[in-house]
Amino acid sequence: MPDFSDVTETNEAGERTAPDSHFDQILPAHSAAIYREFQAGRVIVREIWDKNRSELQANPLYNLLFNHLSHFRTFYEHLGSELVFNEAGNFFFLKESSDDESEEHDENAFRVQVVLLLIGRYFARSGRDLDYLGRPDAGLSEQDFNAMASDEEYQDILRAARFEKGMPEALDYLDKRNLLFRSGTNRWFLSSAGLYFLQELVREYEQ
C-alpha cells in the first residue's frame, strides 16, 4: 500500500476547479492504487472503515480524486471510461463506455440491487429507519443476519441472483465493492455509496 501521507484533505477552495492535468503532480503509485480499486469493481468512498481502530477514516484515494478531479476525468476518458463523481453519496465510480462491458455491468448492478433491496425491505419491516443502516453503531446485527439467512423467501431470491451460499455470499459481494463494511464479527453497515443506492432504489419503487 503506498504512503498517502502527502495527500491533503479536501476543501472547498482547493484544487478541484484548478487546471491540474499535469502528470507530475501525482505519484504513479497513487494513480495505480486508484486504478486497481476501479478494476476490482469497487466504488471509492470518502470514508472507509478502519478495522484496527473500529472507526471510519478519511479515504486518501477519495481525497486524491477530489483534489485532482479534472486530471483524472481526462485520464480515464483517454482510457475509454468515464469517471463519475456522486456528490450526494460522496463516492466515485468508473463507468465503462465499451459495449463489451455492458452485459457484465448490468448483471453486477442487478445483483447489487437485489441484495440492497432485501436488506432495505427487512430493515423497514422491522420498523427501523433506513438511515440507521449507514451507522457503524447500528446497521445489521447478528440477529438481523440470522433472521434474513433463515427466511426461505429471501434465500430463493438470492439463489435467483446466483448467490448460492445465501446471505454470507451476498454481504461479501457488497463488502468487496465498498458498498458495505463489516464493523464487527457479526455486524455490518452500508457505506455512503451503499446507502445512497438503496435510497435511490426505494424512491424508484415508491414512484
C-alpha atoms as a PDB file:
ATOM      1  CA  MET A   1       0.000   0.000   0.000  1.00  0.00           C
ATOM      2  CA  PRO A   2       1.576   3.332  -0.985  1.00  0.00           C
ATOM      3  CA  ASP A   3       2.153   6.097   1.534  1.00  0.00           C
ATOM      4  CA  PHE A   4      -0.635   8.634   1.297  1.00  0.00           C
ATOM      5  CA  SER A   5       0.710  10.971   3.938  1.00  0.00           C
ATOM      6  CA  ASP A   6       1.175  13.702   1.369  1.00  0.00           C
ATOM      7  CA  VAL A   7      -2.422  13.589   0.184  1.00  0.00           C
ATOM      8  CA  THR A   8      -4.156  16.622   1.606  1.00  0.00           C
ATOM      9  CA  GLU A   9      -7.681  16.833   2.959  1.00  0.00           C
ATOM     10  CA  THR A  10     -10.404  18.034   0.622  1.00  0.00           C
ATOM     11  CA  ASN A  11     -11.528  21.630   0.837  1.00  0.00           C
ATOM     12  CA  GLU A  12     -13.952  23.877  -0.978  1.00  0.00           C
ATOM     13  CA  ALA A  13     -11.271  26.263  -2.231  1.00  0.00           C
ATOM     14  CA  GLY A  14      -8.780  23.556  -3.129  1.00  0.00           C
ATOM     15  CA  GLU A  15      -7.509  22.297  -6.427  1.00  0.00           C
ATOM     16  CA  ARG A  16     -10.769  20.777  -7.613  1.00  0.00           C
ATOM     17  CA  THR A  17     -11.516  23.554 -10.080  1.00  0.00           C
ATOM     18  CA  ALA A  18      -7.885  24.328 -10.944  1.00  0.00           C
ATOM     19  CA  PRO A  19      -6.257  23.076 -14.154  1.00  0.00           C
ATOM     20  CA  ASP A  20      -4.434  20.108 -12.667  1.00  0.00           C
ATOM     21  CA  SER A  21      -3.948  17.780 -15.601  1.00  0.00           C
ATOM     22  CA  HIS A  22      -0.155  17.607 -15.267  1.00  0.00           C
ATOM     23  CA  PHE A  23       1.038  14.081 -14.525  1.00  0.00           C
ATOM     24  CA  ASP A  24       3.982  15.279 -12.470  1.00  0.00           C
ATOM     25  CA  GLN A  25       1.593  16.440  -9.734  1.00  0.00           C
ATOM     26  CA  ILE A  26       0.506  12.875  -8.924  1.00  0.00           C
ATOM     27  CA  LEU A  27       2.673   9.951  -7.898  1.00  0.00           C
ATOM     28  CA  PRO A  28       2.332   6.887 -10.163  1.00  0.00           C
ATOM     29  CA  ALA A  29       1.838   4.643  -7.125  1.00  0.00           C
ATOM     30  CA  HIS A  30      -1.184   6.685  -6.036  1.00  0.00           C
ATOM     31  CA  SER A  31      -2.698   6.675  -9.502  1.00  0.00           C
ATOM     32  CA  ALA A  32      -2.120   2.916  -9.782  1.00  0.00           C
ATOM     33  CA  ALA A  33      -3.835   2.344  -6.420  1.00  0.00           C
ATOM     34  CA  ILE A  34      -6.954   4.144  -7.674  1.00  0.00           C
ATOM     35  CA  TYR A  35      -6.879   2.171 -10.925  1.00  0.00           C
ATOM     36  CA  ARG A  36      -6.723  -1.139  -9.021  1.00  0.00           C
ATOM     37  CA  GLU A  37      -9.751  -0.158  -6.955  1.00  0.00           C
ATOM     38  CA  PHE A  38     -11.808   0.551 -10.059  1.00  0.00           C
ATOM     39  CA  GLN A  39     -10.578  -2.593 -11.815  1.00  0.00           C
ATOM     40  CA  ALA A  40     -11.760  -4.624  -8.830  1.00  0.00           C
ATOM     41  CA  GLY A  41     -15.261  -3.216  -9.322  1.00  0.00           C
ATOM     42  CA  ARG A  42     -15.164  -1.008  -6.242  1.00  0.00           C
ATOM     43  CA  VAL A  43     -16.519   2.455  -5.682  1.00  0.00           C
ATOM     44  CA  ILE A  44     -14.198   4.899  -3.912  1.00  0.00           C
ATOM     45  CA  VAL A  45     -15.978   6.393  -0.929  1.00  0.00           C
ATOM     46  CA  ARG A  46     -14.990   9.400   1.161  1.00  0.00           C
ATOM     47  CA  GLU A  47     -14.694   7.363   4.354  1.00  0.00           C
ATOM     48  CA  ILE A  48     -13.568   3.775   4.781  1.00  0.00           C
ATOM     49  CA  TRP A  49     -13.806   1.515   7.792  1.00  0.00           C
ATOM     50  CA  ASP A  50     -10.605   1.098   9.776  1.00  0.00           C
ATOM     51  CA  LYS A  51     -10.836  -2.354  11.371  1.00  0.00           C
ATOM     52  CA  ASN A  52      -7.907  -1.713  13.694  1.00  0.00           C
ATOM     53  CA  ARG A  53      -9.386   1.459  15.180  1.00  0.00           C
ATOM     54  CA  SER A  54     -13.035   0.407  14.688  1.00  0.00           C
ATOM     55  CA  GLU A  55     -13.968   3.743  13.173  1.00  0.00           C
ATOM     56  CA  LEU A  56     -14.488   5.487   9.856  1.00  0.00           C
ATOM     57  CA  GLN A  57     -11.380   7.153   8.460  1.00  0.00           C
ATOM     58  CA  ALA A  58     -10.866   9.620   5.609  1.00  0.00           C
ATOM     59  CA  ASN A  59     -10.054   7.762   2.405  1.00  0.00           C
ATOM     60  CA  PRO A  60      -6.846   9.173   0.831  1.00  0.00           C
ATOM     61  CA  LEU A  61      -7.834   7.806  -2.590  1.00  0.00           C
ATOM     62  CA  TYR A  62     -11.068   9.787  -2.471  1.00  0.00           C
ATOM     63  CA  ASN A  63      -9.184  12.923  -1.470  1.00  0.00           C
ATOM     64  CA  LEU A  64      -6.734  12.462  -4.326  1.00  0.00           C
ATOM     65  CA  LEU A  65      -9.534  12.083  -6.870  1.00  0.00           C
ATOM     66  CA  PHE A  66     -11.426  15.042  -5.441  1.00  0.00           C
ATOM     67  CA  ASN A  67      -8.435  17.372  -5.423  1.00  0.00           C
ATOM     68  CA  HIS A  68      -7.369  16.414  -8.967  1.00  0.00           C
ATOM     69  CA  LEU A  69     -10.763  15.742 -10.477  1.00  0.00           C
ATOM     70  CA  SER A  70     -10.039  17.400 -13.822  1.00  0.00           C
ATOM     71  CA  HIS A  71      -6.873  15.365 -14.306  1.00  0.00           C
ATOM     72  CA  PHE A  72      -8.447  12.009 -13.513  1.00  0.00           C
ATOM     73  CA  ARG A  73     -11.536  12.664 -15.615  1.00  0.00           C
ATOM     74  CA  THR A  74      -9.300  13.370 -18.608  1.00  0.00           C
ATOM     75  CA  PHE A  75      -7.074  10.415 -17.801  1.00  0.00           C
ATOM     76  CA  TYR A  76      -9.937   7.885 -17.698  1.00  0.00           C
ATOM     77  CA  GLU A  77     -11.575   9.445 -20.727  1.00  0.00           C
ATOM     78  CA  HIS A  78      -8.419   8.567 -22.668  1.00  0.00           C
ATOM     79  CA  LEU A  79      -8.788   5.007 -21.407  1.00  0.00           C
ATOM     80  CA  GLY A  80     -12.329   4.820 -22.759  1.00  0.00           C
ATOM     81  CA  SER A  81     -14.105   5.227 -19.420  1.00  0.00           C
ATOM     82  CA  GLU A  82     -15.998   7.936 -17.573  1.00  0.00           C
ATOM     83  CA  LEU A  83     -15.074   8.920 -14.038  1.00  0.00           C
ATOM     84  CA  VAL A  84     -18.299   9.773 -12.238  1.00  0.00           C
ATOM     85  CA  PHE A  85     -18.454  11.752  -9.008  1.00  0.00           C
ATOM     86  CA  ASN A  86     -21.622  11.301  -6.974  1.00  0.00           C
ATOM     87  CA  GLU A  87     -21.748  14.285  -4.664  1.00  0.00           C
ATOM     88  CA  ALA A  88     -24.882  13.171  -2.807  1.00  0.00           C
ATOM     89  CA  GLY A  89     -23.322   9.860  -1.781  1.00  0.00           C
ATOM     90  CA  ASN A  90     -19.726  11.112  -1.558  1.00  0.00           C
ATOM     91  CA  PHE A  91     -18.195   8.496  -3.835  1.00  0.00           C
ATOM     92  CA  PHE A  92     -16.546   7.972  -7.215  1.00  0.00           C
ATOM     93  CA  PHE A  93     -17.114   5.155  -9.664  1.00  0.00           C
ATOM     94  CA  LEU A  94     -15.950   4.268 -13.133  1.00  0.00           C
ATOM     95  CA  LYS A  95     -18.464   3.956 -15.956  1.00  0.00           C
ATOM     96  CA  GLU A  96     -17.245   1.871 -18.850  1.00  0.00           C
ATOM     97  CA  SER A  97     -18.122   3.240 -22.267  1.00  0.00           C
ATOM     98  CA  SER A  98     -17.352  -0.004 -24.114  1.00  0.00           C
ATOM     99  CA  ASP A  99     -20.338  -2.058 -25.246  1.00  0.00           C
ATOM    100  CA  ASP A 100     -18.416  -5.190 -24.301  1.00  0.00           C
ATOM    101  CA  GLU A 101     -18.718  -4.219 -20.648  1.00  0.00           C
ATOM    102  CA  SER A 102     -22.459  -3.570 -20.666  1.00  0.00           C
ATOM    103  CA  GLU A 103     -23.674  -7.143 -20.104  1.00  0.00           C
ATOM    104  CA  GLU A 104     -21.325  -7.768 -17.181  1.00  0.00           C
ATOM    105  CA  HIS A 105     -22.081  -4.334 -15.734  1.00  0.00           C
ATOM    106  CA  ASP A 106     -25.827  -4.925 -15.948  1.00  0.00           C
ATOM    107  CA  GLU A 107     -25.502  -8.265 -14.167  1.00  0.00           C
ATOM    108  CA  ASN A 108     -23.359  -6.777 -11.387  1.00  0.00           C
ATOM    109  CA  ALA A 109     -25.784  -3.873 -10.971  1.00  0.00           C
ATOM    110  CA  PHE A 110     -28.711  -6.315 -10.785  1.00  0.00           C
ATOM    111  CA  ARG A 111     -27.053  -8.425  -8.106  1.00  0.00           C
ATOM    112  CA  VAL A 112     -26.184  -5.344  -6.043  1.00  0.00           C
ATOM    113  CA  GLN A 113     -29.772  -4.100  -6.310  1.00  0.00           C
ATOM    114  CA  VAL A 114     -31.177  -7.450  -5.188  1.00  0.00           C
ATOM    115  CA  VAL A 115     -29.083  -7.528  -2.020  1.00  0.00           C
ATOM    116  CA  LEU A 116     -29.702  -3.877  -1.155  1.00  0.00           C
ATOM    117  CA  LEU A 117     -33.450  -4.225  -1.657  1.00  0.00           C
ATOM    118  CA  LEU A 118     -33.609  -7.313   0.553  1.00  0.00           C
ATOM    119  CA  ILE A 119     -31.679  -5.549   3.308  1.00  0.00           C
ATOM    120  CA  GLY A 120     -33.850  -2.446   2.981  1.00  0.00           C
ATOM    121  CA  ARG A 121     -37.049  -4.494   2.936  1.00  0.00           C
ATOM    122  CA  TYR A 122     -36.101  -6.438   6.040  1.00  0.00           C
ATOM    123  CA  PHE A 123     -34.966  -3.312   7.884  1.00  0.00           C
ATOM    124  CA  ALA A 124     -38.130  -1.366   7.029  1.00  0.00           C
ATOM    125  CA  ARG A 125     -40.342  -4.260   8.107  1.00  0.00           C
ATOM    126  CA  SER A 126     -38.616  -4.241  11.482  1.00  0.00           C
ATOM    127  CA  GLY A 127     -39.804  -0.650  11.949  1.00  0.00           C
ATOM    128  CA  ARG A 128     -36.382   0.985  11.741  1.00  0.00           C
ATOM    129  CA  ASP A 129     -35.359   3.983   9.675  1.00  0.00           C
ATOM    130  CA  LEU A 130     -33.199   3.077   6.688  1.00  0.00           C
ATOM    131  CA  ASP A 131     -30.692   5.768   7.672  1.00  0.00           C
ATOM    132  CA  TYR A 132     -29.643   3.536  10.570  1.00  0.00           C
ATOM    133  CA  LEU A 133     -28.219   1.111   8.017  1.00  0.00           C
ATOM    134  CA  GLY A 134     -25.467   3.658   7.365  1.00  0.00           C
ATOM    135  CA  ARG A 135     -24.384   3.919  11.007  1.00  0.00           C
ATOM    136  CA  PRO A 136     -21.481   1.826  12.333  1.00  0.00           C
ATOM    137  CA  ASP A 137     -23.178   1.582  15.740  1.00  0.00           C
ATOM    138  CA  ALA A 138     -26.407   0.329  14.179  1.00  0.00           C
ATOM    139  CA  GLY A 139     -26.683  -1.401  10.801  1.00  0.00           C
ATOM    140  CA  LEU A 140     -27.300  -5.139  10.643  1.00  0.00           C
ATOM    141  CA  SER A 141     -26.710  -7.168  13.787  1.00  0.00           C
ATOM    142  CA  GLU A 142     -26.132 -10.889  14.166  1.00  0.00           C
ATOM    143  CA  GLN A 143     -29.820 -11.281  14.995  1.00  0.00           C
ATOM    144  CA  ASP A 144     -30.774  -9.487  11.778  1.00  0.00           C
ATOM    145  CA  PHE A 145     -28.380 -11.621   9.768  1.00  0.00           C
ATOM    146  CA  ASN A 146     -29.746 -14.861  11.217  1.00  0.00           C
ATOM    147  CA  ALA A 147     -33.338 -13.788  10.580  1.00  0.00           C
ATOM    148  CA  MET A 148     -32.602 -12.981   6.926  1.00  0.00           C
ATOM    149  CA  ALA A 149     -30.499 -16.104   6.442  1.00  0.00           C
ATOM    150  CA  SER A 150     -33.308 -18.332   7.716  1.00  0.00           C
ATOM    151  CA  ASP A 151     -36.043 -16.700   5.608  1.00  0.00           C
ATOM    152  CA  GLU A 152     -36.882 -19.076   2.745  1.00  0.00           C
ATOM    153  CA  GLU A 153     -38.262 -16.320   0.525  1.00  0.00           C
ATOM    154  CA  TYR A 154     -35.060 -14.302   0.865  1.00  0.00           C
ATOM    155  CA  GLN A 155     -32.969 -17.370   0.108  1.00  0.00           C
ATOM    156  CA  ASP A 156     -34.971 -18.119  -3.041  1.00  0.00           C
ATOM    157  CA  ILE A 157     -34.448 -14.544  -4.245  1.00  0.00           C
ATOM    158  CA  LEU A 158     -30.723 -14.703  -3.526  1.00  0.00           C
ATOM    159  CA  ARG A 159     -30.375 -18.003  -5.372  1.00  0.00           C
ATOM    160  CA  ALA A 160     -32.151 -16.462  -8.358  1.00  0.00           C
ATOM    161  CA  ALA A 161     -29.451 -13.764  -8.296  1.00  0.00           C
ATOM    162  CA  ARG A 162     -26.774 -16.510  -8.209  1.00  0.00           C
ATOM    163  CA  PHE A 163     -25.893 -16.183  -4.535  1.00  0.00           C
ATOM    164  CA  GLU A 164     -25.854 -19.911  -3.919  1.00  0.00           C
ATOM    165  CA  LYS A 165     -24.376 -19.531  -0.432  1.00  0.00           C
ATOM    166  CA  GLY A 166     -27.082 -17.103   0.633  1.00  0.00           C
ATOM    167  CA  MET A 167     -26.565 -14.100   2.889  1.00  0.00           C
ATOM    168  CA  PRO A 168     -22.851 -14.594   3.678  1.00  0.00           C
ATOM    169  CA  GLU A 169     -22.008 -14.507  -0.029  1.00  0.00           C
ATOM    170  CA  ALA A 170     -24.389 -11.598  -0.683  1.00  0.00           C
ATOM    171  CA  LEU A 171     -22.922  -9.420   2.058  1.00  0.00           C
ATOM    172  CA  ASP A 172     -19.398 -10.310   0.977  1.00  0.00           C
ATOM    173  CA  TYR A 173     -20.331  -9.214  -2.565  1.00  0.00           C
ATOM    174  CA  LEU A 174     -21.256  -5.733  -1.286  1.00  0.00           C
ATOM    175  CA  ASP A 175     -18.235  -5.617   1.011  1.00  0.00           C
ATOM    176  CA  LYS A 176     -15.815  -6.255  -1.864  1.00  0.00           C
ATOM    177  CA  ARG A 177     -17.291  -3.259  -3.701  1.00  0.00           C
ATOM    178  CA  ASN A 178     -17.105  -0.840  -0.732  1.00  0.00           C
ATOM    179  CA  LEU A 179     -20.900  -0.700  -0.577  1.00  0.00           C
ATOM    180  CA  LEU A 180     -20.934  -2.299   2.857  1.00  0.00           C
ATOM    181  CA  PHE A 181     -18.476  -2.558   5.746  1.00  0.00           C
ATOM    182  CA  ARG A 182     -18.100  -5.189   8.447  1.00  0.00           C
ATOM    183  CA  SER A 183     -17.838  -3.256  11.695  1.00  0.00           C
ATOM    184  CA  GLY A 184     -17.509  -6.320  13.888  1.00  0.00           C
ATOM    185  CA  THR A 185     -17.576 -10.092  13.867  1.00  0.00           C
ATOM    186  CA  ASN A 186     -21.322 -10.114  13.396  1.00  0.00           C
ATOM    187  CA  ARG A 187     -22.262  -6.562  12.433  1.00  0.00           C
ATOM    188  CA  TRP A 188     -22.442  -4.785   9.082  1.00  0.00           C
ATOM    189  CA  PHE A 189     -23.411  -1.318   7.880  1.00  0.00           C
ATOM    190  CA  LEU A 190     -23.771   0.345   4.484  1.00  0.00           C
ATOM    191  CA  SER A 191     -21.172   2.780   3.204  1.00  0.00           C
ATOM    192  CA  SER A 192     -22.302   6.198   1.990  1.00  0.00           C
ATOM    193  CA  ALA A 193     -22.453   4.734  -1.537  1.00  0.00           C
ATOM    194  CA  GLY A 194     -24.454   1.681  -0.451  1.00  0.00           C
ATOM    195  CA  LEU A 195     -26.947   3.818   1.446  1.00  0.00           C
ATOM    196  CA  TYR A 196     -27.285   6.211  -1.498  1.00  0.00           C
ATOM    197  CA  PHE A 197     -28.048   3.378  -3.926  1.00  0.00           C
ATOM    198  CA  LEU A 198     -30.582   1.861  -1.526  1.00  0.00           C
ATOM    199  CA  GLN A 199     -32.386   5.173  -1.065  1.00  0.00           C
ATOM    200  CA  GLU A 200     -32.486   5.657  -4.842  1.00  0.00           C
ATOM    201  CA  LEU A 201     -33.986   2.195  -5.294  1.00  0.00           C
ATOM    202  CA  VAL A 202     -36.625   2.931  -2.660  1.00  0.00           C
ATOM    203  CA  ARG A 203     -37.537   6.197  -4.385  1.00  0.00           C
ATOM    204  CA  GLU A 204     -37.885   4.421  -7.737  1.00  0.00           C
ATOM    205  CA  TYR A 205     -40.193   1.786  -6.285  1.00  0.00           C
ATOM    206  CA  GLU A 206     -42.279   4.359  -4.435  1.00  0.00           C
ATOM    207  CA  GLN A 207     -42.862   6.229  -7.692  1.00  0.00           C
END
